[in-house]
Amino acid sequence: IRPLSNPIKKDSHLVILRGNLAAEGAV
């Protein structure tokens, strides 16, 4: 478990995408 000062990724790995292929969202 990394410290907050050295994360694996600074924000979520779960990204909600939208666009003309996913107007209501995709994960």
PDB file of all heavy atoms in Angstrom:
ATOM      1  N   ILE A   1       0.864  -1.184   0.000  1.00  0.00           N
ATOM      2  CA  ILE A   1       0.000   0.000   0.000  1.00  0.00           C
ATOM      3  C   ILE A   1       0.894   1.227   0.000  1.00  0.00           C
ATOM      4  O   ILE A   1       1.628   1.481   0.970  1.00  0.00           O
ATOM      5  CB  ILE A   1      -0.941   0.023   1.224  1.00  0.00           C
ATOM      6  CG1 ILE A   1      -1.775  -1.265   1.296  1.00  0.00           C
ATOM      7  CG2 ILE A   1      -1.829   1.261   1.174  1.00  0.00           C
ATOM      8  CD1 ILE A   1      -2.758  -1.448   0.151  1.00  0.00           C
ATOM      9  N   ARG A   2       0.854   1.969  -1.069  1.00  0.00           N
ATOM     10  CA  ARG A   2       1.721   3.145  -1.218  1.00  0.00           C
ATOM     11  C   ARG A   2       1.260   4.274  -0.283  1.00  0.00           C
ATOM     12  O   ARG A   2       0.066   4.396   0.026  1.00  0.00           O
ATOM     13  CB  ARG A   2       1.649   3.650  -2.648  1.00  0.00           C
ATOM     14  CG  ARG A   2       2.196   2.701  -3.688  1.00  0.00           C
ATOM     15  CD  ARG A   2       3.670   2.889  -3.935  1.00  0.00           C
ATOM     16  NE  ARG A   2       4.072   2.199  -5.164  1.00  0.00           N
ATOM     17  CZ  ARG A   2       4.138   2.773  -6.358  1.00  0.00           C
ATOM     18  NH1 ARG A   2       3.808   4.050  -6.497  1.00  0.00           N
ATOM     19  NH2 ARG A   2       4.535   2.082  -7.405  1.00  0.00           N
ATOM     20  N   PRO A   3       2.161   5.164   0.103  1.00  0.00           N
ATOM     21  CA  PRO A   3       1.753   6.373   0.815  1.00  0.00           C
ATOM     22  C   PRO A   3       1.034   7.330  -0.130  1.00  0.00           C
ATOM     23  O   PRO A   3       1.214   7.271  -1.364  1.00  0.00           O
ATOM     24  CB  PRO A   3       3.073   6.962   1.308  1.00  0.00           C
ATOM     25  CG  PRO A   3       4.096   6.443   0.350  1.00  0.00           C
ATOM     26  CD  PRO A   3       3.614   5.076  -0.056  1.00  0.00           C
ATOM     27  N   LEU A   4       0.237   8.213   0.425  1.00  0.00           N
ATOM     28  CA  LEU A   4      -0.482   9.195  -0.392  1.00  0.00           C
ATOM     29  C   LEU A   4       0.480  10.069  -1.200  1.00  0.00           C
ATOM     30  O   LEU A   4       0.127  10.563  -2.271  1.00  0.00           O
ATOM     31  CB  LEU A   4      -1.360  10.067   0.498  1.00  0.00           C
ATOM     32  CG  LEU A   4      -2.637   9.389   1.024  1.00  0.00           C
ATOM     33  CD1 LEU A   4      -3.216  10.189   2.188  1.00  0.00           C
ATOM     34  CD2 LEU A   4      -3.661   9.240  -0.085  1.00  0.00           C
ATOM     35  N   SER A   5       1.688  10.232  -0.692  1.00  0.00           N
ATOM     36  CA  SER A   5       2.677  11.071  -1.382  1.00  0.00           C
ATOM     37  C   SER A   5       3.296  10.388  -2.595  1.00  0.00           C
ATOM     38  O   SER A   5       3.975  11.026  -3.397  1.00  0.00           O
ATOM     39  CB  SER A   5       3.787  11.458  -0.398  1.00  0.00           C
ATOM     40  OG  SER A   5       4.429  10.278   0.105  1.00  0.00           O
ATOM     41  N   ASN A   6       3.072   9.084  -2.735  1.00  0.00           N
ATOM     42  CA  ASN A   6       3.669   8.334  -3.847  1.00  0.00           C
ATOM     43  C   ASN A   6       2.664   7.313  -4.384  1.00  0.00           C
ATOM     44  O   ASN A   6       2.895   6.106  -4.330  1.00  0.00           O
ATOM     45  CB  ASN A   6       4.950   7.637  -3.377  1.00  0.00           C
ATOM     46  CG  ASN A   6       5.634   6.885  -4.504  1.00  0.00           C
ATOM     47  OD1 ASN A   6       5.554   7.266  -5.674  1.00  0.00           O
ATOM     48  ND2 ASN A   6       6.317   5.791  -4.158  1.00  0.00           N
ATOM     49  N   PRO A   7       1.550   7.772  -4.933  1.00  0.00           N
ATOM     50  CA  PRO A   7       0.512   6.837  -5.370  1.00  0.00           C
ATOM     51  C   PRO A   7       0.908   6.110  -6.650  1.00  0.00           C
ATOM     52  O   PRO A   7       1.777   6.564  -7.402  1.00  0.00           O
ATOM     53  CB  PRO A   7      -0.691   7.745  -5.622  1.00  0.00           C
ATOM     54  CG  PRO A   7      -0.091   9.052  -6.025  1.00  0.00           C
ATOM     55  CD  PRO A   7       1.162   9.177  -5.193  1.00  0.00           C
ATOM     56  N   ILE A   8       0.254   4.991  -6.901  1.00  0.00           N
ATOM     57  CA  ILE A   8       0.406   4.310  -8.183  1.00  0.00           C
ATOM     58  C   ILE A   8      -0.207   5.170  -9.278  1.00  0.00           C
ATOM     59  O   ILE A   8       0.336   5.290 -10.375  1.00  0.00           O
ATOM     60  CB  ILE A   8      -0.252   2.924  -8.128  1.00  0.00           C
ATOM     61  CG1 ILE A   8       0.538   2.011  -7.186  1.00  0.00           C
ATOM     62  CG2 ILE A   8      -0.356   2.298  -9.521  1.00  0.00           C
ATOM     63  CD1 ILE A   8      -0.116   0.693  -6.901  1.00  0.00           C
ATOM     64  N   LYS A   9      -1.333   5.788  -8.963  1.00  0.00           N
ATOM     65  CA  LYS A   9      -2.002   6.722  -9.874  1.00  0.00           C
ATOM     66  C   LYS A   9      -2.614   7.817  -9.018  1.00  0.00           C
ATOM     67  O   LYS A   9      -3.207   7.550  -7.972  1.00  0.00           O
ATOM     68  CB  LYS A   9      -3.080   5.983 -10.682  1.00  0.00           C
ATOM     69  CG  LYS A   9      -3.696   6.777 -11.823  1.00  0.00           C
ATOM     70  CD  LYS A   9      -4.559   5.867 -12.716  1.00  0.00           C
ATOM     71  CE  LYS A   9      -5.106   6.620 -13.931  1.00  0.00           C
ATOM     72  NZ  LYS A   9      -6.231   7.508 -13.565  1.00  0.00           N
ATOM     73  N   LYS A  10      -2.471   9.048  -9.436  1.00  0.00           N
ATOM     74  CA  LYS A  10      -2.866  10.169  -8.575  1.00  0.00           C
ATOM     75  C   LYS A  10      -4.371  10.342  -8.460  1.00  0.00           C
ATOM     76  O   LYS A  10      -4.861  11.036  -7.575  1.00  0.00           O
ATOM     77  CB  LYS A  10      -2.249  11.474  -9.075  1.00  0.00           C
ATOM     78  CG  LYS A  10      -2.744  11.929 -10.442  1.00  0.00           C
ATOM     79  CD  LYS A  10      -2.092  13.228 -10.882  1.00  0.00           C
ATOM     80  CE  LYS A  10      -2.534  13.665 -12.270  1.00  0.00           C
ATOM     81  NZ  LYS A  10      -3.988  13.875 -12.394  1.00  0.00           N
ATOM     82  N   ASP A  11      -5.106   9.699  -9.384  1.00  0.00           N
ATOM     83  CA  ASP A  11      -6.561   9.774  -9.329  1.00  0.00           C
ATOM     84  C   ASP A  11      -7.119   8.389  -9.651  1.00  0.00           C
ATOM     85  O   ASP A  11      -6.375   7.410  -9.742  1.00  0.00           O
ATOM     86  CB  ASP A  11      -7.108  10.849 -10.275  1.00  0.00           C
ATOM     87  CG  ASP A  11      -6.568  10.708 -11.697  1.00  0.00           C
ATOM     88  OD1 ASP A  11      -5.936   9.676 -12.007  1.00  0.00           O
ATOM     89  OD2 ASP A  11      -6.768  11.624 -12.519  1.00  0.00           O
ATOM     90  N   SER A  12      -8.409   8.301  -9.841  1.00  0.00           N
ATOM     91  CA  SER A  12      -9.050   6.994  -9.931  1.00  0.00           C
ATOM     92  C   SER A  12      -8.653   6.216 -11.187  1.00  0.00           C
ATOM     93  O   SER A  12      -8.525   6.785 -12.273  1.00  0.00           O
ATOM     94  CB  SER A  12     -10.564   7.144  -9.913  1.00  0.00           C
ATOM     95  OG  SER A  12     -11.199   5.883  -9.984  1.00  0.00           O
ATOM     96  N   HIS A  13      -8.516   4.899 -11.015  1.00  0.00           N
ATOM     97  CA  HIS A  13      -8.334   3.994 -12.149  1.00  0.00           C
ATOM     98  C   HIS A  13      -9.667   3.668 -12.805  1.00  0.00           C
ATOM     99  O   HIS A  13      -9.693   3.151 -13.923  1.00  0.00           O
ATOM    100  CB  HIS A  13      -7.681   2.701 -11.677  1.00  0.00           C
ATOM    101  CG  HIS A  13      -8.555   1.915 -10.751  1.00  0.00           C
ATOM    102  ND1 HIS A  13      -8.977   2.407  -9.528  1.00  0.00           N
ATOM    103  CD2 HIS A  13      -9.132   0.688 -10.873  1.00  0.00           C
ATOM    104  CE1 HIS A  13      -9.749   1.513  -8.943  1.00  0.00           C
ATOM    105  NE2 HIS A  13      -9.864   0.465  -9.730  1.00  0.00           N
ATOM    106  N   LEU A  14     -10.774   3.933 -12.110  1.00  0.00           N
ATOM    107  CA  LEU A  14     -12.115   3.723 -12.664  1.00  0.00           C
ATOM    108  C   LEU A  14     -12.531   5.011 -13.368  1.00  0.00           C
ATOM    109  O   LEU A  14     -12.846   6.011 -12.721  1.00  0.00           O
ATOM    110  CB  LEU A  14     -13.110   3.370 -11.565  1.00  0.00           C
ATOM    111  CG  LEU A  14     -12.832   2.076 -10.798  1.00  0.00           C
ATOM    112  CD1 LEU A  14     -13.837   1.902  -9.661  1.00  0.00           C
ATOM    113  CD2 LEU A  14     -12.871   0.862 -11.728  1.00  0.00           C
ATOM    114  N   VAL A  15     -12.501   4.975 -14.680  1.00  0.00           N
ATOM    115  CA  VAL A  15     -12.752   6.191 -15.463  1.00  0.00           C
ATOM    116  C   VAL A  15     -14.084   6.038 -16.186  1.00  0.00           C
ATOM    117  O   VAL A  15     -14.294   5.081 -16.935  1.00  0.00           O
ATOM    118  CB  VAL A  15     -11.621   6.425 -16.485  1.00  0.00           C
ATOM    119  CG1 VAL A  15     -11.875   7.712 -17.275  1.00  0.00           C
ATOM    120  CG2 VAL A  15     -10.269   6.486 -15.779  1.00  0.00           C
ATOM    121  N   ILE A  16     -14.981   6.978 -15.944  1.00  0.00           N
ATOM    122  CA  ILE A  16     -16.288   6.988 -16.617  1.00  0.00           C
ATOM    123  C   ILE A  16     -16.139   7.763 -17.919  1.00  0.00           C
ATOM    124  O   ILE A  16     -15.845   8.962 -17.911  1.00  0.00           O
ATOM    125  CB  ILE A  16     -17.376   7.620 -15.729  1.00  0.00           C
ATOM    126  CG1 ILE A  16     -17.398   6.955 -14.347  1.00  0.00           C
ATOM    127  CG2 ILE A  16     -18.734   7.521 -16.422  1.00  0.00           C
ATOM    128  CD1 ILE A  16     -17.614   5.462 -14.362  1.00  0.00           C
ATOM    129  N   LEU A  17     -16.307   7.057 -19.031  1.00  0.00           N
ATOM    130  CA  LEU A  17     -16.163   7.661 -20.352  1.00  0.00           C
ATOM    131  C   LEU A  17     -17.527   7.998 -20.930  1.00  0.00           C
ATOM    132  O   LEU A  17     -18.516   7.287 -20.704  1.00  0.00           O
ATOM    133  CB  LEU A  17     -15.471   6.685 -21.308  1.00  0.00           C
ATOM    134  CG  LEU A  17     -14.118   6.119 -20.881  1.00  0.00           C
ATOM    135  CD1 LEU A  17     -13.638   5.105 -21.911  1.00  0.00           C
ATOM    136  CD2 LEU A  17     -13.093   7.213 -20.698  1.00  0.00           C
ATOM    137  N   ARG A  18     -17.570   9.063 -21.696  1.00  0.00           N
ATOM    138  CA  ARG A  18     -18.764   9.415 -22.464  1.00  0.00           C
ATOM    139  C   ARG A  18     -18.319   9.817 -23.867  1.00  0.00           C
ATOM    140  O   ARG A  18     -17.138   9.975 -24.126  1.00  0.00           O
ATOM    141  CB  ARG A  18     -19.566  10.519 -21.783  1.00  0.00           C
ATOM    142  CG  ARG A  18     -20.084  10.135 -20.390  1.00  0.00           C
ATOM    143  CD  ARG A  18     -20.979  11.200 -19.791  1.00  0.00           C
ATOM    144  NE  ARG A  18     -21.299  10.933 -18.394  1.00  0.00           N
ATOM    145  CZ  ARG A  18     -22.314  10.207 -17.980  1.00  0.00           C
ATOM    146  NH1 ARG A  18     -23.150   9.665 -18.864  1.00  0.00           N
ATOM    147  NH2 ARG A  18     -22.539  10.016 -16.693  1.00  0.00           N
ATOM    148  N   GLY A  19     -19.267   9.966 -24.741  1.00  0.00           N
ATOM    149  CA  GLY A  19     -18.947  10.316 -26.114  1.00  0.00           C
ATOM    150  C   GLY A  19     -19.989   9.748 -27.044  1.00  0.00           C
ATOM    151  O   GLY A  19     -21.018   9.234 -26.603  1.00  0.00           O
ATOM    152  N   ASN A  20     -19.726   9.811 -28.356  1.00  0.00           N
ATOM    153  CA  ASN A  20     -20.773   9.388 -29.293  1.00  0.00           C
ATOM    154  C   ASN A  20     -20.956   7.871 -29.333  1.00  0.00           C
ATOM    155  O   ASN A  20     -21.909   7.388 -29.931  1.00  0.00           O
ATOM    156  CB  ASN A  20     -20.504   9.934 -30.701  1.00  0.00           C
ATOM    157  CG  ASN A  20     -19.240   9.400 -31.343  1.00  0.00           C
ATOM    158  OD1 ASN A  20     -18.506   8.626 -30.744  1.00  0.00           O
ATOM    159  ND2 ASN A  20     -18.988   9.829 -32.577  1.00  0.00           N
ATOM    160  N   LEU A  21     -20.090   7.122 -28.656  1.00  0.00           N
ATOM    161  CA  LEU A  21     -20.297   5.685 -28.514  1.00  0.00           C
ATOM    162  C   LEU A  21     -20.914   5.320 -27.164  1.00  0.00           C
ATOM    163  O   LEU A  21     -21.321   4.175 -26.966  1.00  0.00           O
ATOM    164  CB  LEU A  21     -18.975   4.923 -28.664  1.00  0.00           C
ATOM    165  CG  LEU A  21     -18.695   4.261 -30.003  1.00  0.00           C
ATOM    166  CD1 LEU A  21     -17.359   3.530 -29.960  1.00  0.00           C
ATOM    167  CD2 LEU A  21     -19.806   3.302 -30.408  1.00  0.00           C
ATOM    168  N   ALA A  22     -20.960   6.272 -26.253  1.00  0.00           N
ATOM    169  CA  ALA A  22     -21.423   5.972 -24.889  1.00  0.00           C
ATOM    170  C   ALA A  22     -22.060   7.208 -24.273  1.00  0.00           C
ATOM    171  O   ALA A  22     -21.563   7.754 -23.288  1.00  0.00           O
ATOM    172  CB  ALA A  22     -20.264   5.485 -24.033  1.00  0.00           C
ATOM    173  N   ALA A  23     -23.187   7.633 -24.846  1.00  0.00           N
ATOM    174  CA  ALA A  23     -23.829   8.863 -24.373  1.00  0.00           C
ATOM    175  C   ALA A  23     -24.252   8.765 -22.918  1.00  0.00           C
ATOM    176  O   ALA A  23     -24.273   9.760 -22.184  1.00  0.00           O
ATOM    177  CB  ALA A  23     -25.049   9.177 -25.249  1.00  0.00           C
ATOM    178  N   GLU A  24     -24.608   7.542 -22.464  1.00  0.00           N
ATOM    179  CA  GLU A  24     -25.041   7.357 -21.075  1.00  0.00           C
ATOM    180  C   GLU A  24     -23.925   6.843 -20.182  1.00  0.00           C
ATOM    181  O   GLU A  24     -24.147   6.566 -19.011  1.00  0.00           O
ATOM    182  CB  GLU A  24     -26.238   6.395 -21.037  1.00  0.00           C
ATOM    183  CG  GLU A  24     -27.464   6.938 -21.747  1.00  0.00           C
ATOM    184  CD  GLU A  24     -28.579   5.910 -21.844  1.00  0.00           C
ATOM    185  OE1 GLU A  24     -28.477   4.847 -21.185  1.00  0.00           O
ATOM    186  OE2 GLU A  24     -29.546   6.152 -22.583  1.00  0.00           O
ATOM    187  N   GLY A  25     -22.720   6.711 -20.732  1.00  0.00           N
ATOM    188  CA  GLY A  25     -21.565   6.339 -19.932  1.00  0.00           C
ATOM    189  C   GLY A  25     -21.044   4.951 -20.224  1.00  0.00           C
ATOM    190  O   GLY A  25     -21.740   4.073 -20.721  1.00  0.00           O
ATOM    191  N   ALA A  26     -19.755   4.777 -19.943  1.00  0.00           N
ATOM    192  CA  ALA A  26     -19.068   3.491 -20.003  1.00  0.00           C
ATOM    193  C   ALA A  26     -18.011   3.513 -18.913  1.00  0.00           C
ATOM    194  O   ALA A  26     -17.653   4.573 -18.396  1.00  0.00           O
ATOM    195  CB  ALA A  26     -18.429   3.283 -21.376  1.00  0.00           C
ATOM    196  N   VAL A  27     -17.512   2.328 -18.557  1.00  0.00           N
ATOM    197  CA  VAL A  27     -16.565   2.225 -17.448  1.00  0.00           C
ATOM    198  C   VAL A  27     -15.265   1.622 -17.950  1.00  0.00           C
ATOM    199  O   VAL A  27     -15.256   0.511 -18.492  1.00  0.00           O
ATOM    200  CB  VAL A  27     -17.136   1.360 -16.302  1.00  0.00           C
ATOM    201  CG1 VAL A  27     -16.141   1.313 -15.141  1.00  0.00           C
ATOM    202  CG2 VAL A  27     -18.479   1.911 -15.827  1.00  0.00           C
TER     203      VAL A  27
END
